[in-house]
Amino acid sequence: MSGKYSNIASSIVTLVGGKENVNNLIHCQTRLRFDLKDETKVDTEKLKQLDGVAGVINSGGQFQVVIGTHVSEVYDEVSPLLGDISETSESGDGQKKNILTLAIEFISTSFSPIIPAMSGAGMIKALLALLVLFNVVSNESQTY
């Protein structure tokens, strides 16, 4: 931790209602994803105006703060400010999510591991199409 994002980290924790309002925190490629106890404690407008925050989304029982590609560095600064939130997290986490959200979450997590294989197969198919187009390989040959 370089401390480069310590100011934004402390501001985010304060504006989401403090560490006592956070059940859980994870991050994806561009967003900090908070599971909050009380979403009315969040100052959404001030969060949106923070330098370094690209946006704020409240969706599917998660409060998301869009940071950008440097989200892991911000996450590393926010985590110590929250302490050990696993002890204070409520067991009823799934109660906020409706059936549609749970179904979409299940489908997306099921297909996530095979996306790289599907992308690779698509690239090979595109390469074969180009080789046939430029008459480098015949689509009836053994190489194809």
N, C-alpha and C. Protein backbone atom coordinates (compact mmCIF):
# COMPACT_ATOMS: atom_id res chain seq x y z
N MET A 1 0.83 -1.18 0.00
CA MET A 1 0.00 0.00 0.00
C MET A 1 0.88 1.24 0.00
N SER A 2 0.69 2.06 -0.98
CA SER A 2 1.52 3.24 -1.11
C SER A 2 0.91 4.45 -0.42
N GLY A 3 -0.37 4.40 -0.07
CA GLY A 3 -1.02 5.55 0.53
C GLY A 3 -1.52 6.54 -0.49
N LYS A 4 -1.32 6.22 -1.75
CA LYS A 4 -1.73 7.11 -2.83
C LYS A 4 -3.24 7.35 -2.84
N TYR A 5 -4.00 6.33 -2.45
CA TYR A 5 -5.45 6.42 -2.49
C TYR A 5 -6.07 6.48 -1.09
N SER A 6 -5.29 6.83 -0.09
CA SER A 6 -5.81 6.83 1.28
C SER A 6 -6.89 7.89 1.48
N ASN A 7 -6.77 9.06 0.84
CA ASN A 7 -7.78 10.10 1.00
C ASN A 7 -9.11 9.67 0.42
N ILE A 8 -9.10 9.13 -0.80
CA ILE A 8 -10.35 8.69 -1.42
C ILE A 8 -10.94 7.51 -0.66
N ALA A 9 -10.09 6.64 -0.13
CA ALA A 9 -10.57 5.49 0.62
C ALA A 9 -11.30 5.93 1.87
N SER A 10 -10.72 6.84 2.63
CA SER A 10 -11.38 7.30 3.86
C SER A 10 -12.65 8.07 3.54
N SER A 11 -12.66 8.82 2.45
CA SER A 11 -13.88 9.54 2.04
C SER A 11 -14.98 8.57 1.65
N ILE A 12 -14.64 7.52 0.94
CA ILE A 12 -15.64 6.53 0.52
C ILE A 12 -16.25 5.85 1.74
N VAL A 13 -15.40 5.44 2.69
CA VAL A 13 -15.91 4.76 3.89
C VAL A 13 -16.84 5.69 4.66
N THR A 14 -16.46 6.95 4.80
CA THR A 14 -17.30 7.91 5.51
C THR A 14 -18.63 8.10 4.79
N LEU A 15 -18.61 8.24 3.46
CA LEU A 15 -19.82 8.55 2.70
C LEU A 15 -20.76 7.37 2.52
N VAL A 16 -20.28 6.15 2.73
CA VAL A 16 -21.19 5.00 2.67
C VAL A 16 -21.81 4.72 4.04
N GLY A 17 -21.54 5.59 5.00
CA GLY A 17 -22.16 5.44 6.31
C GLY A 17 -21.22 4.93 7.38
N GLY A 18 -19.95 4.85 7.09
CA GLY A 18 -18.96 4.39 8.06
C GLY A 18 -18.82 2.88 8.07
N LYS A 19 -17.79 2.42 8.77
CA LYS A 19 -17.51 0.98 8.77
C LYS A 19 -18.61 0.18 9.44
N GLU A 20 -19.36 0.79 10.36
CA GLU A 20 -20.44 0.06 11.02
C GLU A 20 -21.64 -0.17 10.10
N ASN A 21 -21.67 0.49 8.94
CA ASN A 21 -22.77 0.31 7.99
C ASN A 21 -22.44 -0.72 6.91
N VAL A 22 -21.23 -1.25 6.91
CA VAL A 22 -20.79 -2.16 5.86
C VAL A 22 -20.82 -3.61 6.34
N ASN A 23 -21.60 -4.44 5.64
CA ASN A 23 -21.63 -5.87 5.92
C ASN A 23 -20.48 -6.59 5.24
N ASN A 24 -20.23 -6.23 3.98
CA ASN A 24 -19.24 -6.93 3.18
C ASN A 24 -18.72 -6.00 2.11
N LEU A 25 -17.50 -6.22 1.67
CA LEU A 25 -16.90 -5.44 0.58
C LEU A 25 -16.10 -6.37 -0.31
N ILE A 26 -16.39 -6.31 -1.60
CA ILE A 26 -15.59 -7.01 -2.62
C ILE A 26 -15.35 -6.02 -3.74
N HIS A 27 -14.53 -6.42 -4.69
CA HIS A 27 -14.35 -5.58 -5.87
C HIS A 27 -14.25 -6.44 -7.11
N CYS A 28 -14.63 -5.84 -8.24
CA CYS A 28 -14.47 -6.51 -9.53
C CYS A 28 -13.42 -5.73 -10.30
N GLN A 29 -13.49 -5.70 -11.61
CA GLN A 29 -12.47 -5.04 -12.42
C GLN A 29 -12.46 -3.52 -12.24
N THR A 30 -13.65 -2.93 -12.02
CA THR A 30 -13.72 -1.47 -11.98
C THR A 30 -14.50 -0.91 -10.80
N ARG A 31 -15.10 -1.76 -9.97
CA ARG A 31 -16.02 -1.28 -8.94
C ARG A 31 -15.74 -1.87 -7.56
N LEU A 32 -15.98 -1.03 -6.57
CA LEU A 32 -16.05 -1.51 -5.19
C LEU A 32 -17.50 -1.88 -4.96
N ARG A 33 -17.76 -3.07 -4.46
CA ARG A 33 -19.13 -3.54 -4.27
C ARG A 33 -19.38 -3.73 -2.77
N PHE A 34 -20.24 -2.85 -2.24
CA PHE A 34 -20.57 -2.86 -0.82
C PHE A 34 -21.90 -3.55 -0.59
N ASP A 35 -21.97 -4.39 0.43
CA ASP A 35 -23.24 -4.87 0.97
C ASP A 35 -23.45 -4.06 2.24
N LEU A 36 -24.47 -3.22 2.24
CA LEU A 36 -24.67 -2.28 3.33
C LEU A 36 -25.83 -2.71 4.23
N LYS A 37 -25.76 -2.30 5.49
CA LYS A 37 -26.84 -2.56 6.43
C LYS A 37 -28.00 -1.60 6.19
N ASP A 38 -27.70 -0.33 5.95
CA ASP A 38 -28.73 0.68 5.75
C ASP A 38 -28.30 1.60 4.61
N GLU A 39 -28.94 1.45 3.46
CA GLU A 39 -28.56 2.23 2.28
C GLU A 39 -28.98 3.69 2.37
N THR A 40 -29.83 4.03 3.34
CA THR A 40 -30.25 5.43 3.49
C THR A 40 -29.16 6.28 4.13
N LYS A 41 -28.15 5.66 4.73
CA LYS A 41 -27.04 6.39 5.34
C LYS A 41 -26.00 6.87 4.31
N VAL A 42 -26.14 6.43 3.07
CA VAL A 42 -25.16 6.74 2.04
C VAL A 42 -25.43 8.13 1.47
N ASP A 43 -24.38 8.93 1.32
CA ASP A 43 -24.48 10.24 0.67
C ASP A 43 -24.05 10.08 -0.79
N THR A 44 -25.01 9.68 -1.62
CA THR A 44 -24.73 9.35 -3.01
C THR A 44 -24.18 10.54 -3.79
N GLU A 45 -24.75 11.71 -3.58
CA GLU A 45 -24.32 12.89 -4.34
C GLU A 45 -22.87 13.26 -4.05
N LYS A 46 -22.49 13.22 -2.79
CA LYS A 46 -21.09 13.53 -2.45
C LYS A 46 -20.15 12.46 -2.97
N LEU A 47 -20.59 11.19 -2.98
CA LEU A 47 -19.77 10.12 -3.54
C LEU A 47 -19.51 10.34 -5.01
N LYS A 48 -20.56 10.74 -5.75
CA LYS A 48 -20.41 10.99 -7.18
C LYS A 48 -19.45 12.12 -7.47
N GLN A 49 -19.37 13.09 -6.55
CA GLN A 49 -18.52 14.26 -6.76
C GLN A 49 -17.07 14.05 -6.33
N LEU A 50 -16.78 12.94 -5.67
CA LEU A 50 -15.41 12.67 -5.24
C LEU A 50 -14.48 12.54 -6.43
N ASP A 51 -13.32 13.13 -6.31
CA ASP A 51 -12.31 12.99 -7.35
C ASP A 51 -11.78 11.57 -7.34
N GLY A 52 -11.94 10.86 -8.44
CA GLY A 52 -11.51 9.47 -8.53
C GLY A 52 -12.67 8.51 -8.58
N VAL A 53 -13.89 8.99 -8.34
CA VAL A 53 -15.08 8.14 -8.43
C VAL A 53 -15.79 8.47 -9.74
N ALA A 54 -15.94 7.45 -10.58
CA ALA A 54 -16.56 7.65 -11.89
C ALA A 54 -18.08 7.56 -11.84
N GLY A 55 -18.62 6.95 -10.80
CA GLY A 55 -20.07 6.82 -10.70
C GLY A 55 -20.46 5.98 -9.51
N VAL A 56 -21.77 5.97 -9.26
CA VAL A 56 -22.33 5.20 -8.15
C VAL A 56 -23.56 4.48 -8.67
N ILE A 57 -23.65 3.18 -8.36
CA ILE A 57 -24.78 2.36 -8.82
C ILE A 57 -25.32 1.59 -7.63
N ASN A 58 -26.64 1.60 -7.48
CA ASN A 58 -27.28 0.80 -6.44
C ASN A 58 -28.14 -0.23 -7.15
N SER A 59 -27.67 -1.48 -7.17
CA SER A 59 -28.35 -2.50 -7.96
C SER A 59 -28.25 -3.86 -7.30
N GLY A 60 -29.36 -4.57 -7.28
CA GLY A 60 -29.37 -5.96 -6.84
C GLY A 60 -28.93 -6.17 -5.41
N GLY A 61 -29.22 -5.22 -4.52
CA GLY A 61 -28.81 -5.36 -3.13
C GLY A 61 -27.37 -5.00 -2.88
N GLN A 62 -26.68 -4.52 -3.92
CA GLN A 62 -25.29 -4.09 -3.77
C GLN A 62 -25.19 -2.62 -4.08
N PHE A 63 -24.36 -1.93 -3.31
CA PHE A 63 -24.06 -0.53 -3.57
C PHE A 63 -22.68 -0.51 -4.21
N GLN A 64 -22.61 -0.04 -5.46
CA GLN A 64 -21.36 -0.12 -6.21
C GLN A 64 -20.78 1.28 -6.43
N VAL A 65 -19.51 1.42 -6.14
CA VAL A 65 -18.78 2.66 -6.37
C VAL A 65 -17.82 2.39 -7.53
N VAL A 66 -18.06 3.05 -8.66
CA VAL A 66 -17.24 2.83 -9.86
C VAL A 66 -15.96 3.64 -9.72
N ILE A 67 -14.83 2.95 -9.72
CA ILE A 67 -13.53 3.59 -9.53
C ILE A 67 -12.74 3.62 -10.84
N GLY A 68 -12.66 2.51 -11.51
CA GLY A 68 -11.85 2.39 -12.72
C GLY A 68 -10.88 1.23 -12.58
N THR A 69 -9.89 1.21 -13.43
CA THR A 69 -8.97 0.08 -13.47
C THR A 69 -8.04 0.01 -12.27
N HIS A 70 -7.92 1.07 -11.51
CA HIS A 70 -7.06 1.06 -10.31
C HIS A 70 -7.86 0.71 -9.05
N VAL A 71 -8.98 0.02 -9.23
CA VAL A 71 -9.87 -0.30 -8.11
C VAL A 71 -9.18 -1.19 -7.07
N SER A 72 -8.28 -2.05 -7.48
CA SER A 72 -7.62 -2.94 -6.51
C SER A 72 -6.75 -2.14 -5.53
N GLU A 73 -6.12 -1.07 -6.01
CA GLU A 73 -5.32 -0.23 -5.11
C GLU A 73 -6.22 0.50 -4.11
N VAL A 74 -7.37 0.99 -4.59
CA VAL A 74 -8.32 1.66 -3.69
C VAL A 74 -8.88 0.65 -2.69
N TYR A 75 -9.19 -0.56 -3.16
CA TYR A 75 -9.69 -1.62 -2.29
C TYR A 75 -8.68 -1.93 -1.18
N ASP A 76 -7.40 -1.97 -1.54
CA ASP A 76 -6.35 -2.24 -0.56
C ASP A 76 -6.28 -1.15 0.51
N GLU A 77 -6.69 0.07 0.17
CA GLU A 77 -6.71 1.16 1.14
C GLU A 77 -8.00 1.15 1.97
N VAL A 78 -9.12 0.73 1.36
CA VAL A 78 -10.41 0.73 2.05
C VAL A 78 -10.49 -0.42 3.06
N SER A 79 -9.98 -1.58 2.70
CA SER A 79 -10.10 -2.78 3.56
C SER A 79 -9.60 -2.57 4.98
N PRO A 80 -8.41 -2.00 5.19
CA PRO A 80 -7.96 -1.79 6.58
C PRO A 80 -8.86 -0.83 7.36
N LEU A 81 -9.48 0.10 6.66
CA LEU A 81 -10.37 1.06 7.34
C LEU A 81 -11.63 0.38 7.86
N LEU A 82 -12.04 -0.69 7.20
CA LEU A 82 -13.24 -1.41 7.61
C LEU A 82 -12.97 -2.43 8.69
N GLY A 83 -11.72 -2.84 8.83
CA GLY A 83 -11.38 -3.86 9.82
C GLY A 83 -11.89 -5.21 9.38
N ASP A 84 -12.14 -6.09 10.35
CA ASP A 84 -12.63 -7.44 10.05
C ASP A 84 -14.15 -7.40 10.00
N ILE A 85 -14.69 -7.19 8.80
CA ILE A 85 -16.14 -7.08 8.66
C ILE A 85 -16.81 -8.43 8.56
N SER A 86 -16.03 -9.51 8.44
CA SER A 86 -16.63 -10.83 8.34
C SER A 86 -17.34 -11.22 9.64
N GLU A 87 -16.87 -10.73 10.78
CA GLU A 87 -17.49 -11.04 12.06
C GLU A 87 -18.81 -10.32 12.23
N THR A 88 -18.93 -9.11 11.67
CA THR A 88 -20.12 -8.31 11.88
C THR A 88 -21.14 -8.49 10.77
N SER A 89 -20.81 -9.25 9.75
CA SER A 89 -21.75 -9.40 8.64
C SER A 89 -22.94 -10.22 9.07
N GLU A 90 -24.11 -9.85 8.54
CA GLU A 90 -25.34 -10.54 8.89
C GLU A 90 -25.48 -11.81 8.08
N SER A 91 -26.13 -12.80 8.65
CA SER A 91 -26.29 -14.07 7.96
C SER A 91 -27.37 -14.00 6.89
N GLY A 92 -28.25 -13.02 6.95
CA GLY A 92 -29.35 -12.91 5.99
C GLY A 92 -28.98 -12.15 4.75
N ASP A 93 -27.78 -12.31 4.26
CA ASP A 93 -27.30 -11.56 3.11
C ASP A 93 -28.13 -11.80 1.86
N GLY A 94 -28.61 -13.02 1.65
CA GLY A 94 -29.36 -13.35 0.45
C GLY A 94 -30.79 -12.85 0.47
N GLN A 95 -31.26 -12.29 1.57
CA GLN A 95 -32.65 -11.87 1.66
C GLN A 95 -32.95 -10.66 0.80
N LYS A 96 -31.96 -9.83 0.51
CA LYS A 96 -32.19 -8.63 -0.28
C LYS A 96 -32.35 -8.94 -1.76
N LYS A 97 -31.91 -10.08 -2.21
CA LYS A 97 -31.90 -10.40 -3.63
C LYS A 97 -33.16 -11.14 -4.03
N ASN A 98 -33.73 -10.73 -5.14
CA ASN A 98 -34.92 -11.42 -5.62
C ASN A 98 -34.53 -12.63 -6.47
N ILE A 99 -35.51 -13.40 -6.88
CA ILE A 99 -35.27 -14.64 -7.62
C ILE A 99 -34.55 -14.37 -8.94
N LEU A 100 -34.95 -13.33 -9.66
CA LEU A 100 -34.31 -13.01 -10.94
C LEU A 100 -32.82 -12.69 -10.75
N THR A 101 -32.51 -11.91 -9.74
CA THR A 101 -31.11 -11.57 -9.46
C THR A 101 -30.30 -12.82 -9.13
N LEU A 102 -30.87 -13.70 -8.32
CA LEU A 102 -30.17 -14.94 -7.97
C LEU A 102 -29.96 -15.83 -9.19
N ALA A 103 -30.97 -15.89 -10.09
CA ALA A 103 -30.83 -16.71 -11.30
C ALA A 103 -29.74 -16.15 -12.20
N ILE A 104 -29.72 -14.84 -12.39
CA ILE A 104 -28.70 -14.21 -13.24
C ILE A 104 -27.31 -14.41 -12.63
N GLU A 105 -27.22 -14.27 -11.32
CA GLU A 105 -25.94 -14.47 -10.64
C GLU A 105 -25.44 -15.90 -10.82
N PHE A 106 -26.35 -16.88 -10.71
CA PHE A 106 -25.98 -18.28 -10.89
C PHE A 106 -25.49 -18.53 -12.32
N ILE A 107 -26.22 -18.02 -13.31
CA ILE A 107 -25.85 -18.23 -14.71
C ILE A 107 -24.51 -17.57 -15.01
N SER A 108 -24.31 -16.34 -14.54
CA SER A 108 -23.06 -15.65 -14.84
C SER A 108 -21.86 -16.33 -14.19
N THR A 109 -22.03 -16.82 -12.96
CA THR A 109 -20.91 -17.52 -12.32
C THR A 109 -20.66 -18.89 -12.94
N SER A 110 -21.70 -19.49 -13.52
CA SER A 110 -21.52 -20.79 -14.17
C SER A 110 -20.76 -20.67 -15.48
N PHE A 111 -21.02 -19.59 -16.23
CA PHE A 111 -20.39 -19.43 -17.53
C PHE A 111 -19.04 -18.72 -17.48
N SER A 112 -18.73 -18.05 -16.40
CA SER A 112 -17.47 -17.31 -16.30
C SER A 112 -16.23 -18.15 -16.59
N PRO A 113 -16.12 -19.38 -16.09
CA PRO A 113 -14.90 -20.16 -16.36
C PRO A 113 -14.72 -20.57 -17.82
N ILE A 114 -15.80 -20.65 -18.60
CA ILE A 114 -15.64 -21.12 -19.98
C ILE A 114 -15.52 -19.98 -21.00
N ILE A 115 -15.64 -18.74 -20.55
CA ILE A 115 -15.54 -17.60 -21.47
C ILE A 115 -14.17 -17.55 -22.17
N PRO A 116 -13.04 -17.75 -21.49
CA PRO A 116 -11.76 -17.74 -22.20
C PRO A 116 -11.67 -18.84 -23.28
N ALA A 117 -12.20 -20.01 -23.01
CA ALA A 117 -12.17 -21.09 -24.01
C ALA A 117 -13.02 -20.73 -25.22
N MET A 118 -14.18 -20.13 -24.97
CA MET A 118 -15.04 -19.72 -26.09
C MET A 118 -14.38 -18.61 -26.91
N SER A 119 -13.69 -17.69 -26.25
CA SER A 119 -12.98 -16.62 -26.95
C SER A 119 -11.85 -17.19 -27.81
N GLY A 120 -11.10 -18.12 -27.24
CA GLY A 120 -10.01 -18.76 -27.99
C GLY A 120 -10.52 -19.50 -29.21
N ALA A 121 -11.63 -20.22 -29.05
CA ALA A 121 -12.21 -20.94 -30.19
C ALA A 121 -12.67 -19.98 -31.27
N GLY A 122 -13.23 -18.85 -30.85
CA GLY A 122 -13.65 -17.84 -31.83
C GLY A 122 -12.48 -17.26 -32.60
N MET A 123 -11.36 -17.05 -31.91
CA MET A 123 -10.17 -16.51 -32.58
C MET A 123 -9.60 -17.52 -33.58
N ILE A 124 -9.60 -18.79 -33.21
CA ILE A 124 -9.12 -19.82 -34.14
C ILE A 124 -10.02 -19.89 -35.36
N LYS A 125 -11.32 -19.80 -35.15
CA LYS A 125 -12.27 -19.83 -36.26
C LYS A 125 -12.07 -18.62 -37.18
N ALA A 126 -11.81 -17.46 -36.60
CA ALA A 126 -11.56 -16.25 -37.39
C ALA A 126 -10.26 -16.41 -38.19
N LEU A 127 -9.22 -16.97 -37.57
CA LEU A 127 -7.96 -17.19 -38.26
C LEU A 127 -8.15 -18.16 -39.44
N LEU A 128 -8.90 -19.23 -39.23
CA LEU A 128 -9.18 -20.17 -40.32
C LEU A 128 -9.94 -19.50 -41.45
N ALA A 129 -10.90 -18.66 -41.12
CA ALA A 129 -11.67 -17.95 -42.15
C ALA A 129 -10.76 -17.05 -42.98
N LEU A 130 -9.81 -16.37 -42.33
CA LEU A 130 -8.87 -15.52 -43.06
C LEU A 130 -7.94 -16.34 -43.95
N LEU A 131 -7.45 -17.47 -43.43
CA LEU A 131 -6.57 -18.32 -44.22
C LEU A 131 -7.29 -18.85 -45.47
N VAL A 132 -8.56 -19.20 -45.34
CA VAL A 132 -9.34 -19.66 -46.49
C VAL A 132 -9.60 -18.51 -47.44
N LEU A 133 -9.91 -17.32 -46.91
CA LEU A 133 -10.21 -16.15 -47.73
C LEU A 133 -9.02 -15.76 -48.61
N PHE A 134 -7.81 -15.84 -48.06
CA PHE A 134 -6.61 -15.47 -48.81
C PHE A 134 -5.97 -16.66 -49.51
N ASN A 135 -6.69 -17.76 -49.61
CA ASN A 135 -6.26 -18.96 -50.33
C ASN A 135 -4.93 -19.52 -49.82
N VAL A 136 -4.66 -19.39 -48.56
CA VAL A 136 -3.48 -19.98 -47.97
C VAL A 136 -3.76 -21.45 -47.67
N VAL A 137 -5.00 -21.74 -47.26
CA VAL A 137 -5.42 -23.08 -46.92
C VAL A 137 -6.78 -23.32 -47.57
N SER A 138 -6.97 -24.52 -48.08
CA SER A 138 -8.28 -24.88 -48.62
C SER A 138 -9.13 -25.46 -47.49
N ASN A 139 -10.44 -25.13 -47.50
CA ASN A 139 -11.29 -25.65 -46.44
C ASN A 139 -11.57 -27.15 -46.60
N GLU A 140 -11.05 -27.77 -47.65
CA GLU A 140 -11.17 -29.20 -47.83
C GLU A 140 -9.87 -29.94 -47.57
N SER A 141 -8.83 -29.18 -47.18
CA SER A 141 -7.53 -29.82 -46.95
C SER A 141 -7.47 -30.42 -45.53
N GLN A 142 -6.45 -31.25 -45.33
CA GLN A 142 -6.25 -31.89 -44.05
C GLN A 142 -5.82 -30.86 -43.01
N THR A 143 -5.11 -29.82 -43.40
CA THR A 143 -4.65 -28.77 -42.49
C THR A 143 -5.83 -28.01 -41.89
N TYR A 144 -6.83 -27.77 -42.69
CA TYR A 144 -8.03 -27.06 -42.22
C TYR A 144 -8.72 -27.85 -41.15
